[in-house]
Amino acid sequence: MWLFSNKKHLSDEELVTQYYQTGNVALIGDLFEKHTKTIYGVCLYYFRDNDVAKDMVMQIFEKLMVELKKSEIKNFKGWLSFVVRNYCISELRKTNKYRFVSENYLDFEKTETTMEKEEIISNVDDEKLLSYLKECLPLLKENQQVCLKLFFIQNKSYQDIVEQTNFSLNEVKSYLQNGKRNLKLLIDEKIKNTKYAA
């Protein structure tokens, strides 16, 4: 049973900040109440099962309680979009049921495009992909490295990266787009070499 605070009038970011500072779980209850319908809709779209979608919603909010204590999120909707999608995809991949889902379906933040690890390389488990990322990232241009590390390893949103780096939004998008393309080439080459070595 979720608890609720008396601070429902606060913005998402204000609720997140207060939770980060106080650990008051009732604040997560407020976020749950505000976003549960949208998250349920996304989970239902991925899993096509009402009961599974409901379970996923609860698991995601339990995950939020942990993740939101680790760092103060400045752009909650963008960050939440990333977390929900990746969580659903991760769960689907465990059962080999992953399928492409159009970004346009998501109703979190239309102005912020997000990328998934699956767009870089498929059929590679998360641990292996992370290993490839760490090996290949240093081979990219510095600006691309910075943005990709923040985006993929630290799960930062576009706006978070803008605030942390002082790059413009267009620069961040460009560095991520070009960096992602170059990184995919490097990872593909790495996988190819690994197969030949074996």
N, C-alpha and C. Protein backbone atom coordinates (compact mmCIF):
# COMPACT_ATOMS: atom_id res chain seq x y z
N MET A 1 0.86 -1.21 0.00
CA MET A 1 0.00 0.00 0.00
C MET A 1 0.89 1.24 0.00
N TRP A 2 0.66 2.13 -0.97
CA TRP A 2 1.49 3.32 -1.08
C TRP A 2 1.03 4.39 -0.11
N LEU A 3 2.00 5.07 0.50
CA LEU A 3 1.72 6.23 1.33
C LEU A 3 1.79 7.47 0.47
N PHE A 4 1.07 8.51 0.86
CA PHE A 4 1.10 9.76 0.11
C PHE A 4 1.41 10.90 1.08
N SER A 5 2.15 11.89 0.61
CA SER A 5 2.46 13.06 1.43
C SER A 5 1.38 14.11 1.21
N ASN A 6 1.55 15.24 1.85
CA ASN A 6 0.60 16.35 1.63
C ASN A 6 1.21 17.37 0.69
N LYS A 7 2.09 16.89 -0.22
CA LYS A 7 2.84 17.81 -1.08
C LYS A 7 2.59 17.53 -2.56
N LYS A 8 1.37 17.13 -2.87
CA LYS A 8 1.05 16.79 -4.25
C LYS A 8 1.07 18.00 -5.17
N HIS A 9 1.06 19.20 -4.58
CA HIS A 9 1.09 20.42 -5.39
C HIS A 9 2.49 20.70 -5.95
N LEU A 10 3.49 19.99 -5.44
CA LEU A 10 4.87 20.23 -5.89
C LEU A 10 5.09 19.63 -7.28
N SER A 11 6.06 20.18 -7.99
CA SER A 11 6.42 19.64 -9.30
C SER A 11 7.15 18.31 -9.12
N ASP A 12 7.30 17.57 -10.21
CA ASP A 12 8.05 16.31 -10.15
C ASP A 12 9.45 16.53 -9.59
N GLU A 13 10.12 17.56 -10.12
CA GLU A 13 11.49 17.82 -9.72
C GLU A 13 11.58 18.19 -8.24
N GLU A 14 10.59 18.93 -7.75
CA GLU A 14 10.58 19.29 -6.32
C GLU A 14 10.36 18.05 -5.45
N LEU A 15 9.47 17.17 -5.89
CA LEU A 15 9.24 15.92 -5.15
C LEU A 15 10.50 15.06 -5.15
N VAL A 16 11.16 14.98 -6.31
CA VAL A 16 12.38 14.19 -6.43
C VAL A 16 13.48 14.75 -5.52
N THR A 17 13.63 16.07 -5.53
CA THR A 17 14.66 16.71 -4.70
C THR A 17 14.40 16.45 -3.22
N GLN A 18 13.14 16.61 -2.80
CA GLN A 18 12.82 16.39 -1.39
C GLN A 18 13.03 14.93 -1.00
N TYR A 19 12.70 14.01 -1.91
CA TYR A 19 12.93 12.59 -1.61
C TYR A 19 14.43 12.31 -1.50
N TYR A 20 15.20 12.89 -2.40
CA TYR A 20 16.66 12.72 -2.39
C TYR A 20 17.25 13.22 -1.07
N GLN A 21 16.69 14.32 -0.57
CA GLN A 21 17.20 14.92 0.66
C GLN A 21 16.69 14.25 1.93
N THR A 22 15.45 13.75 1.89
CA THR A 22 14.83 13.25 3.12
C THR A 22 14.60 11.74 3.16
N GLY A 23 14.49 11.11 1.98
CA GLY A 23 14.19 9.69 1.94
C GLY A 23 12.75 9.36 2.31
N ASN A 24 11.88 10.37 2.31
CA ASN A 24 10.48 10.18 2.66
C ASN A 24 9.75 9.42 1.54
N VAL A 25 9.41 8.15 1.80
CA VAL A 25 8.82 7.29 0.78
C VAL A 25 7.47 7.81 0.30
N ALA A 26 6.77 8.57 1.13
CA ALA A 26 5.47 9.12 0.75
C ALA A 26 5.60 10.02 -0.48
N LEU A 27 6.76 10.64 -0.66
CA LEU A 27 6.98 11.48 -1.84
C LEU A 27 7.00 10.64 -3.11
N ILE A 28 7.55 9.42 -3.02
CA ILE A 28 7.51 8.49 -4.15
C ILE A 28 6.06 8.10 -4.42
N GLY A 29 5.26 8.00 -3.36
CA GLY A 29 3.84 7.72 -3.54
C GLY A 29 3.16 8.78 -4.37
N ASP A 30 3.56 10.04 -4.16
CA ASP A 30 2.98 11.14 -4.94
C ASP A 30 3.37 11.00 -6.42
N LEU A 31 4.65 10.67 -6.67
CA LEU A 31 5.11 10.47 -8.04
C LEU A 31 4.37 9.28 -8.67
N PHE A 32 4.17 8.24 -7.88
CA PHE A 32 3.45 7.06 -8.34
C PHE A 32 2.05 7.44 -8.80
N GLU A 33 1.36 8.22 -7.97
CA GLU A 33 -0.01 8.61 -8.29
C GLU A 33 -0.07 9.44 -9.57
N LYS A 34 0.93 10.30 -9.77
CA LYS A 34 0.94 11.19 -10.94
C LYS A 34 1.27 10.45 -12.24
N HIS A 35 2.09 9.42 -12.16
CA HIS A 35 2.62 8.82 -13.38
C HIS A 35 2.22 7.36 -13.61
N THR A 36 1.50 6.77 -12.67
CA THR A 36 1.22 5.33 -12.78
C THR A 36 0.43 4.97 -14.03
N LYS A 37 -0.54 5.80 -14.45
CA LYS A 37 -1.34 5.48 -15.63
C LYS A 37 -0.48 5.46 -16.89
N THR A 38 0.40 6.44 -17.00
CA THR A 38 1.26 6.50 -18.18
C THR A 38 2.22 5.32 -18.21
N ILE A 39 2.83 5.01 -17.06
CA ILE A 39 3.78 3.90 -17.00
C ILE A 39 3.06 2.58 -17.26
N TYR A 40 1.87 2.44 -16.70
CA TYR A 40 1.09 1.22 -16.94
C TYR A 40 0.81 1.07 -18.44
N GLY A 41 0.46 2.17 -19.10
CA GLY A 41 0.19 2.11 -20.53
C GLY A 41 1.39 1.65 -21.32
N VAL A 42 2.57 2.15 -20.95
CA VAL A 42 3.80 1.74 -21.64
C VAL A 42 4.08 0.26 -21.38
N CYS A 43 3.96 -0.16 -20.11
CA CYS A 43 4.21 -1.56 -19.76
C CYS A 43 3.22 -2.48 -20.48
N LEU A 44 1.98 -2.06 -20.58
CA LEU A 44 0.97 -2.86 -21.27
C LEU A 44 1.31 -2.99 -22.75
N TYR A 45 1.82 -1.91 -23.33
CA TYR A 45 2.19 -1.93 -24.74
C TYR A 45 3.33 -2.92 -24.99
N TYR A 46 4.29 -2.95 -24.07
CA TYR A 46 5.42 -3.87 -24.21
C TYR A 46 5.01 -5.32 -23.95
N PHE A 47 4.25 -5.57 -22.89
CA PHE A 47 4.01 -6.94 -22.44
C PHE A 47 2.68 -7.53 -22.91
N ARG A 48 1.72 -6.66 -23.30
CA ARG A 48 0.42 -7.11 -23.81
C ARG A 48 -0.30 -8.02 -22.81
N ASP A 49 -0.13 -7.76 -21.53
CA ASP A 49 -0.79 -8.56 -20.50
C ASP A 49 -1.06 -7.65 -19.30
N ASN A 50 -2.34 -7.53 -18.92
CA ASN A 50 -2.71 -6.61 -17.85
C ASN A 50 -2.00 -6.90 -16.53
N ASP A 51 -2.00 -8.17 -16.13
CA ASP A 51 -1.41 -8.53 -14.84
C ASP A 51 0.10 -8.31 -14.84
N VAL A 52 0.74 -8.71 -15.94
CA VAL A 52 2.20 -8.51 -16.04
C VAL A 52 2.52 -7.02 -16.01
N ALA A 53 1.73 -6.22 -16.74
CA ALA A 53 1.96 -4.78 -16.79
C ALA A 53 1.85 -4.16 -15.40
N LYS A 54 0.85 -4.60 -14.63
CA LYS A 54 0.68 -4.09 -13.27
C LYS A 54 1.87 -4.46 -12.39
N ASP A 55 2.35 -5.69 -12.54
CA ASP A 55 3.54 -6.12 -11.79
C ASP A 55 4.75 -5.27 -12.15
N MET A 56 4.89 -4.99 -13.45
CA MET A 56 6.03 -4.20 -13.91
C MET A 56 5.99 -2.78 -13.34
N VAL A 57 4.78 -2.21 -13.27
CA VAL A 57 4.64 -0.86 -12.71
C VAL A 57 5.16 -0.83 -11.26
N MET A 58 4.76 -1.83 -10.48
CA MET A 58 5.19 -1.87 -9.09
C MET A 58 6.69 -2.08 -8.98
N GLN A 59 7.24 -2.93 -9.84
CA GLN A 59 8.68 -3.17 -9.83
C GLN A 59 9.46 -1.91 -10.22
N ILE A 60 8.91 -1.17 -11.18
CA ILE A 60 9.58 0.06 -11.61
C ILE A 60 9.59 1.09 -10.50
N PHE A 61 8.48 1.23 -9.77
CA PHE A 61 8.47 2.21 -8.69
C PHE A 61 9.34 1.78 -7.52
N GLU A 62 9.48 0.49 -7.31
CA GLU A 62 10.43 0.02 -6.30
C GLU A 62 11.85 0.36 -6.74
N LYS A 63 12.09 0.25 -8.03
CA LYS A 63 13.40 0.62 -8.58
C LYS A 63 13.64 2.12 -8.41
N LEU A 64 12.59 2.92 -8.62
CA LEU A 64 12.73 4.37 -8.48
C LEU A 64 13.13 4.75 -7.05
N MET A 65 12.59 4.04 -6.07
CA MET A 65 12.92 4.35 -4.68
C MET A 65 14.42 4.21 -4.43
N VAL A 66 15.03 3.26 -5.12
CA VAL A 66 16.48 3.04 -4.98
C VAL A 66 17.26 4.05 -5.81
N GLU A 67 16.89 4.17 -7.08
CA GLU A 67 17.66 5.00 -8.01
C GLU A 67 17.61 6.49 -7.64
N LEU A 68 16.46 6.97 -7.17
CA LEU A 68 16.32 8.39 -6.86
C LEU A 68 17.05 8.80 -5.59
N LYS A 69 17.54 7.81 -4.84
CA LYS A 69 18.37 8.13 -3.68
C LYS A 69 19.84 8.27 -4.05
N LYS A 70 20.19 7.78 -5.25
CA LYS A 70 21.60 7.80 -5.67
C LYS A 70 22.03 9.15 -6.20
N SER A 71 21.14 9.84 -6.90
CA SER A 71 21.50 11.14 -7.47
C SER A 71 20.24 11.97 -7.64
N GLU A 72 20.42 13.27 -7.65
CA GLU A 72 19.29 14.19 -7.77
C GLU A 72 18.98 14.40 -9.25
N ILE A 73 17.82 13.99 -9.70
CA ILE A 73 17.43 14.05 -11.10
C ILE A 73 16.82 15.42 -11.41
N LYS A 74 17.33 16.08 -12.43
CA LYS A 74 16.85 17.42 -12.78
C LYS A 74 15.69 17.40 -13.78
N ASN A 75 15.69 16.40 -14.64
CA ASN A 75 14.64 16.30 -15.66
C ASN A 75 13.93 14.96 -15.48
N PHE A 76 12.95 14.92 -14.59
CA PHE A 76 12.38 13.66 -14.15
C PHE A 76 11.67 12.92 -15.28
N LYS A 77 10.87 13.62 -16.08
CA LYS A 77 10.13 12.93 -17.13
C LYS A 77 11.05 12.27 -18.16
N GLY A 78 12.08 12.99 -18.57
CA GLY A 78 13.03 12.42 -19.52
C GLY A 78 13.74 11.21 -18.93
N TRP A 79 14.14 11.35 -17.67
CA TRP A 79 14.83 10.26 -16.98
C TRP A 79 13.89 9.06 -16.79
N LEU A 80 12.65 9.33 -16.39
CA LEU A 80 11.68 8.27 -16.17
C LEU A 80 11.40 7.51 -17.46
N SER A 81 11.28 8.23 -18.56
CA SER A 81 11.07 7.60 -19.86
C SER A 81 12.17 6.60 -20.16
N PHE A 82 13.41 7.02 -19.92
CA PHE A 82 14.57 6.17 -20.17
C PHE A 82 14.52 4.93 -19.29
N VAL A 83 14.25 5.12 -18.00
CA VAL A 83 14.24 4.02 -17.04
C VAL A 83 13.15 3.00 -17.37
N VAL A 84 11.94 3.50 -17.66
CA VAL A 84 10.81 2.60 -17.93
C VAL A 84 11.07 1.77 -19.18
N ARG A 85 11.49 2.40 -20.23
CA ARG A 85 11.75 1.69 -21.48
C ARG A 85 12.83 0.64 -21.30
N ASN A 86 13.94 1.04 -20.68
CA ASN A 86 15.05 0.11 -20.51
C ASN A 86 14.67 -1.05 -19.59
N TYR A 87 13.86 -0.77 -18.58
CA TYR A 87 13.44 -1.83 -17.67
C TYR A 87 12.56 -2.84 -18.40
N CYS A 88 11.60 -2.34 -19.16
CA CYS A 88 10.71 -3.24 -19.92
C CYS A 88 11.51 -4.06 -20.93
N ILE A 89 12.40 -3.41 -21.64
CA ILE A 89 13.21 -4.10 -22.65
C ILE A 89 14.09 -5.15 -21.99
N SER A 90 14.68 -4.80 -20.86
CA SER A 90 15.54 -5.74 -20.13
C SER A 90 14.75 -6.98 -19.71
N GLU A 91 13.54 -6.77 -19.20
CA GLU A 91 12.72 -7.90 -18.78
C GLU A 91 12.29 -8.76 -19.97
N LEU A 92 11.98 -8.11 -21.09
CA LEU A 92 11.60 -8.86 -22.28
C LEU A 92 12.78 -9.66 -22.84
N ARG A 93 13.95 -9.09 -22.77
CA ARG A 93 15.12 -9.78 -23.31
C ARG A 93 15.44 -11.03 -22.51
N LYS A 94 15.07 -11.03 -21.23
CA LYS A 94 15.32 -12.22 -20.41
C LYS A 94 14.52 -13.42 -20.92
N THR A 95 13.41 -13.12 -21.60
CA THR A 95 12.56 -14.20 -22.14
C THR A 95 12.65 -14.26 -23.66
N ASN A 96 13.63 -13.53 -24.21
CA ASN A 96 13.83 -13.51 -25.67
C ASN A 96 12.60 -13.04 -26.43
N LYS A 97 11.87 -12.10 -25.83
CA LYS A 97 10.67 -11.59 -26.49
C LYS A 97 10.81 -10.13 -26.88
N TYR A 98 12.05 -9.64 -26.94
CA TYR A 98 12.22 -8.23 -27.28
C TYR A 98 11.79 -7.97 -28.72
N ARG A 99 11.08 -6.87 -28.92
CA ARG A 99 10.70 -6.45 -30.26
C ARG A 99 10.82 -4.94 -30.34
N PHE A 100 10.95 -4.44 -31.54
CA PHE A 100 11.08 -2.99 -31.71
C PHE A 100 9.78 -2.30 -31.32
N VAL A 101 9.90 -1.19 -30.59
CA VAL A 101 8.73 -0.39 -30.22
C VAL A 101 8.99 1.05 -30.65
N SER A 102 8.07 1.61 -31.38
CA SER A 102 8.23 2.98 -31.87
C SER A 102 8.33 3.97 -30.72
N GLU A 103 9.28 4.89 -30.81
CA GLU A 103 9.43 5.92 -29.78
C GLU A 103 8.20 6.81 -29.71
N ASN A 104 7.50 6.96 -30.84
CA ASN A 104 6.37 7.88 -30.88
C ASN A 104 5.24 7.45 -29.95
N TYR A 105 5.24 6.16 -29.57
CA TYR A 105 4.17 5.70 -28.68
C TYR A 105 4.28 6.33 -27.31
N LEU A 106 5.50 6.54 -26.86
CA LEU A 106 5.69 6.97 -25.48
C LEU A 106 5.18 8.38 -25.26
N ASP A 107 4.57 8.59 -24.11
CA ASP A 107 3.89 9.84 -23.85
C ASP A 107 4.52 10.60 -22.69
N PHE A 108 5.83 10.43 -22.50
CA PHE A 108 6.50 11.13 -21.41
C PHE A 108 6.87 12.55 -21.84
N GLU A 109 7.71 12.63 -22.86
CA GLU A 109 8.24 13.94 -23.23
C GLU A 109 8.56 13.95 -24.71
N LYS A 110 7.64 14.45 -25.52
CA LYS A 110 7.77 14.35 -26.97
C LYS A 110 8.98 15.09 -27.51
N THR A 111 9.45 16.09 -26.78
CA THR A 111 10.54 16.91 -27.30
C THR A 111 11.90 16.28 -27.08
N GLU A 112 11.97 15.23 -26.28
CA GLU A 112 13.27 14.64 -25.99
C GLU A 112 13.36 13.24 -26.56
N THR A 113 14.20 13.05 -27.57
CA THR A 113 14.39 11.75 -28.17
C THR A 113 15.40 10.97 -27.33
N THR A 114 15.10 9.71 -27.06
CA THR A 114 16.04 8.89 -26.32
C THR A 114 16.51 7.75 -27.19
N MET A 115 17.69 7.22 -26.89
CA MET A 115 18.24 6.11 -27.63
C MET A 115 18.36 4.93 -26.69
N GLU A 116 18.29 3.75 -27.24
CA GLU A 116 18.41 2.55 -26.44
C GLU A 116 19.72 1.85 -26.76
N LYS A 117 20.21 1.08 -25.81
CA LYS A 117 21.41 0.30 -26.06
C LYS A 117 21.19 -0.65 -27.23
N GLU A 118 19.93 -1.12 -27.38
CA GLU A 118 19.64 -2.05 -28.45
C GLU A 118 19.87 -1.44 -29.83
N GLU A 119 19.86 -0.10 -29.92
CA GLU A 119 20.08 0.55 -31.20
C GLU A 119 21.56 0.49 -31.60
N ILE A 120 22.43 0.27 -30.62
CA ILE A 120 23.85 0.18 -30.93
C ILE A 120 24.21 -1.22 -31.40
N ILE A 121 23.75 -2.20 -30.66
CA ILE A 121 24.08 -3.57 -31.01
C ILE A 121 23.02 -4.49 -30.45
N SER A 122 22.64 -5.51 -31.18
CA SER A 122 21.63 -6.45 -30.67
C SER A 122 22.28 -7.80 -30.41
N ASN A 123 21.55 -8.65 -29.71
CA ASN A 123 22.00 -10.00 -29.40
C ASN A 123 23.29 -10.02 -28.59
N VAL A 124 23.50 -8.99 -27.77
CA VAL A 124 24.65 -8.96 -26.87
C VAL A 124 24.10 -8.66 -25.49
N ASP A 125 24.48 -9.45 -24.48
CA ASP A 125 23.92 -9.21 -23.16
C ASP A 125 24.47 -7.91 -22.58
N ASP A 126 23.76 -7.38 -21.57
CA ASP A 126 24.09 -6.06 -21.02
C ASP A 126 25.52 -6.00 -20.49
N GLU A 127 25.97 -7.07 -19.85
CA GLU A 127 27.32 -7.07 -19.28
C GLU A 127 28.37 -6.99 -20.37
N LYS A 128 28.18 -7.75 -21.44
CA LYS A 128 29.12 -7.74 -22.56
C LYS A 128 29.09 -6.39 -23.27
N LEU A 129 27.89 -5.83 -23.44
CA LEU A 129 27.77 -4.54 -24.10
C LEU A 129 28.50 -3.46 -23.30
N LEU A 130 28.36 -3.50 -21.97
CA LEU A 130 29.03 -2.52 -21.12
C LEU A 130 30.54 -2.65 -21.26
N SER A 131 31.01 -3.89 -21.37
CA SER A 131 32.44 -4.12 -21.55
C SER A 131 32.92 -3.52 -22.87
N TYR A 132 32.14 -3.73 -23.94
CA TYR A 132 32.50 -3.16 -25.25
C TYR A 132 32.48 -1.63 -25.19
N LEU A 133 31.49 -1.09 -24.50
CA LEU A 133 31.39 0.37 -24.39
C LEU A 133 32.65 0.94 -23.74
N LYS A 134 33.07 0.32 -22.65
CA LYS A 134 34.24 0.84 -21.92
C LYS A 134 35.52 0.71 -22.72
N GLU A 135 35.59 -0.34 -23.55
CA GLU A 135 36.79 -0.53 -24.37
C GLU A 135 36.83 0.43 -25.55
N CYS A 136 35.67 0.68 -26.14
CA CYS A 136 35.63 1.45 -27.39
C CYS A 136 35.42 2.96 -27.20
N LEU A 137 34.81 3.36 -26.10
CA LEU A 137 34.57 4.78 -25.86
C LEU A 137 35.83 5.63 -25.93
N PRO A 138 36.96 5.18 -25.33
CA PRO A 138 38.17 6.01 -25.37
C PRO A 138 38.71 6.27 -26.77
N LEU A 139 38.22 5.52 -27.76
CA LEU A 139 38.69 5.69 -29.14
C LEU A 139 37.93 6.79 -29.87
N LEU A 140 36.87 7.31 -29.25
CA LEU A 140 36.07 8.36 -29.88
C LEU A 140 36.64 9.74 -29.56
N LYS A 141 36.14 10.76 -30.27
CA LYS A 141 36.50 12.14 -29.96
C LYS A 141 36.02 12.48 -28.56
N GLU A 142 36.72 13.38 -27.90
CA GLU A 142 36.46 13.65 -26.48
C GLU A 142 35.00 14.06 -26.22
N ASN A 143 34.46 14.97 -27.05
CA ASN A 143 33.09 15.43 -26.82
C ASN A 143 32.08 14.29 -26.95
N GLN A 144 32.33 13.40 -27.90
CA GLN A 144 31.45 12.25 -28.07
C GLN A 144 31.58 11.31 -26.88
N GLN A 145 32.81 11.11 -26.41
CA GLN A 145 33.04 10.27 -25.23
C GLN A 145 32.25 10.76 -24.03
N VAL A 146 32.38 12.06 -23.77
CA VAL A 146 31.73 12.65 -22.60
C VAL A 146 30.23 12.43 -22.64
N CYS A 147 29.62 12.73 -23.79
CA CYS A 147 28.16 12.62 -23.91
C CYS A 147 27.69 11.17 -23.83
N LEU A 148 28.41 10.28 -24.48
CA LEU A 148 27.99 8.87 -24.47
C LEU A 148 28.14 8.24 -23.09
N LYS A 149 29.20 8.62 -22.38
CA LYS A 149 29.38 8.09 -21.02
C LYS A 149 28.23 8.54 -20.12
N LEU A 150 27.88 9.80 -20.21
CA LEU A 150 26.79 10.32 -19.39
C LEU A 150 25.47 9.67 -19.76
N PHE A 151 25.26 9.47 -21.06
CA PHE A 151 23.98 8.94 -21.53
C PHE A 151 23.82 7.45 -21.25
N PHE A 152 24.81 6.66 -21.66
CA PHE A 152 24.66 5.21 -21.57
C PHE A 152 25.07 4.63 -20.22
N ILE A 153 26.15 5.13 -19.64
CA ILE A 153 26.65 4.54 -18.41
C ILE A 153 25.98 5.15 -17.18
N GLN A 154 25.73 6.47 -17.23
CA GLN A 154 25.12 7.13 -16.07
C GLN A 154 23.62 7.39 -16.26
N ASN A 155 23.07 6.98 -17.42
CA ASN A 155 21.63 7.12 -17.69
C ASN A 155 21.13 8.56 -17.58
N LYS A 156 21.95 9.51 -18.01
CA LYS A 156 21.54 10.92 -17.97
C LYS A 156 20.68 11.26 -19.19
N SER A 157 19.75 12.18 -19.00
CA SER A 157 18.91 12.64 -20.11
C SER A 157 19.67 13.70 -20.90
N TYR A 158 19.11 14.09 -22.05
CA TYR A 158 19.73 15.15 -22.84
C TYR A 158 19.92 16.41 -21.99
N GLN A 159 18.86 16.78 -21.26
CA GLN A 159 18.92 18.02 -20.49
C GLN A 159 19.96 17.93 -19.38
N ASP A 160 20.08 16.76 -18.76
CA ASP A 160 21.11 16.57 -17.74
C ASP A 160 22.49 16.81 -18.33
N ILE A 161 22.71 16.28 -19.55
CA ILE A 161 24.03 16.42 -20.19
C ILE A 161 24.30 17.87 -20.53
N VAL A 162 23.28 18.58 -21.01
CA VAL A 162 23.43 20.02 -21.29
C VAL A 162 23.89 20.76 -20.04
N GLU A 163 23.23 20.45 -18.92
CA GLU A 163 23.55 21.14 -17.66
C GLU A 163 24.92 20.78 -17.13
N GLN A 164 25.36 19.55 -17.32
CA GLN A 164 26.64 19.11 -16.78
C GLN A 164 27.82 19.51 -17.64
N THR A 165 27.60 19.67 -18.96
CA THR A 165 28.72 19.92 -19.86
C THR A 165 28.78 21.34 -20.40
N ASN A 166 27.66 22.06 -20.32
CA ASN A 166 27.54 23.39 -20.94
C ASN A 166 27.52 23.32 -22.47
N PHE A 167 27.38 22.12 -23.04
CA PHE A 167 27.12 22.02 -24.47
C PHE A 167 25.68 22.47 -24.72
N SER A 168 25.40 22.97 -25.93
CA SER A 168 24.02 23.28 -26.27
C SER A 168 23.26 21.98 -26.53
N LEU A 169 21.94 22.06 -26.54
CA LEU A 169 21.14 20.86 -26.79
C LEU A 169 21.45 20.28 -28.16
N ASN A 170 21.61 21.15 -29.17
CA ASN A 170 21.93 20.66 -30.51
C ASN A 170 23.30 19.99 -30.55
N GLU A 171 24.25 20.54 -29.80
CA GLU A 171 25.58 19.92 -29.74
C GLU A 171 25.50 18.54 -29.09
N VAL A 172 24.73 18.43 -28.01
CA VAL A 172 24.59 17.15 -27.34
C VAL A 172 23.98 16.12 -28.30
N LYS A 173 22.92 16.51 -29.01
CA LYS A 173 22.29 15.59 -29.95
C LYS A 173 23.26 15.16 -31.04
N SER A 174 24.05 16.13 -31.53
CA SER A 174 25.02 15.83 -32.58
C SER A 174 26.11 14.90 -32.08
N TYR A 175 26.66 15.19 -30.89
CA TYR A 175 27.73 14.34 -30.34
C TYR A 175 27.22 12.93 -30.07
N LEU A 176 25.97 12.82 -29.59
CA LEU A 176 25.41 11.50 -29.33
C LEU A 176 25.15 10.74 -30.63
N GLN A 177 24.60 11.45 -31.60
CA GLN A 177 24.30 10.79 -32.88
C GLN A 177 25.57 10.31 -33.57
N ASN A 178 26.55 11.20 -33.69
CA ASN A 178 27.81 10.83 -34.36
C ASN A 178 28.59 9.82 -33.53
N GLY A 179 28.58 10.02 -32.20
CA GLY A 179 29.30 9.10 -31.33
C GLY A 179 28.69 7.72 -31.37
N LYS A 180 27.35 7.66 -31.40
CA LYS A 180 26.67 6.36 -31.46
C LYS A 180 27.02 5.63 -32.75
N ARG A 181 27.04 6.36 -33.86
CA ARG A 181 27.38 5.74 -35.14
C ARG A 181 28.82 5.21 -35.14
N ASN A 182 29.75 6.04 -34.65
CA ASN A 182 31.14 5.63 -34.61
C ASN A 182 31.36 4.48 -33.63
N LEU A 183 30.63 4.53 -32.52
CA LEU A 183 30.75 3.48 -31.51
C LEU A 183 30.26 2.15 -32.04
N LYS A 184 29.17 2.20 -32.80
CA LYS A 184 28.62 0.97 -33.39
C LYS A 184 29.65 0.33 -34.33
N LEU A 185 30.32 1.15 -35.12
CA LEU A 185 31.34 0.63 -36.03
C LEU A 185 32.48 -0.03 -35.25
N LEU A 186 32.90 0.62 -34.17
CA LEU A 186 33.99 0.09 -33.35
C LEU A 186 33.58 -1.22 -32.67
N ILE A 187 32.35 -1.25 -32.15
CA ILE A 187 31.88 -2.46 -31.46
C ILE A 187 31.72 -3.61 -32.46
N ASP A 188 31.18 -3.30 -33.64
CA ASP A 188 31.03 -4.33 -34.67
C ASP A 188 32.40 -4.93 -35.01
N GLU A 189 33.39 -4.05 -35.14
CA GLU A 189 34.75 -4.50 -35.45
C GLU A 189 35.31 -5.35 -34.30
N LYS A 190 35.02 -4.94 -33.08
CA LYS A 190 35.49 -5.66 -31.90
C LYS A 190 34.89 -7.07 -31.87
N ILE A 191 33.60 -7.16 -32.13
CA ILE A 191 32.92 -8.47 -32.14
C ILE A 191 33.48 -9.37 -33.25
N LYS A 192 33.71 -8.75 -34.40
CA LYS A 192 34.25 -9.50 -35.53
C LYS A 192 35.63 -10.07 -35.19
N ASN A 193 36.47 -9.24 -34.59
CA ASN A 193 37.82 -9.67 -34.22
C ASN A 193 37.78 -10.76 -33.15
N THR A 194 36.82 -10.62 -32.23
CA THR A 194 36.68 -11.63 -31.16
C THR A 194 36.30 -12.98 -31.75
N LYS A 195 35.41 -12.96 -32.76
CA LYS A 195 34.99 -14.21 -33.40
C LYS A 195 36.16 -14.86 -34.13
N TYR A 196 36.96 -14.00 -34.83
CA TYR A 196 38.11 -14.55 -35.57
C TYR A 196 39.13 -15.14 -34.60
N ALA A 197 39.33 -14.46 -33.47
CA ALA A 197 40.31 -14.91 -32.48
C ALA A 197 39.90 -16.25 -31.89
N ALA A 198 38.57 -16.41 -31.76
CA ALA A 198 38.08 -17.67 -31.20
C ALA A 198 38.25 -18.81 -32.21
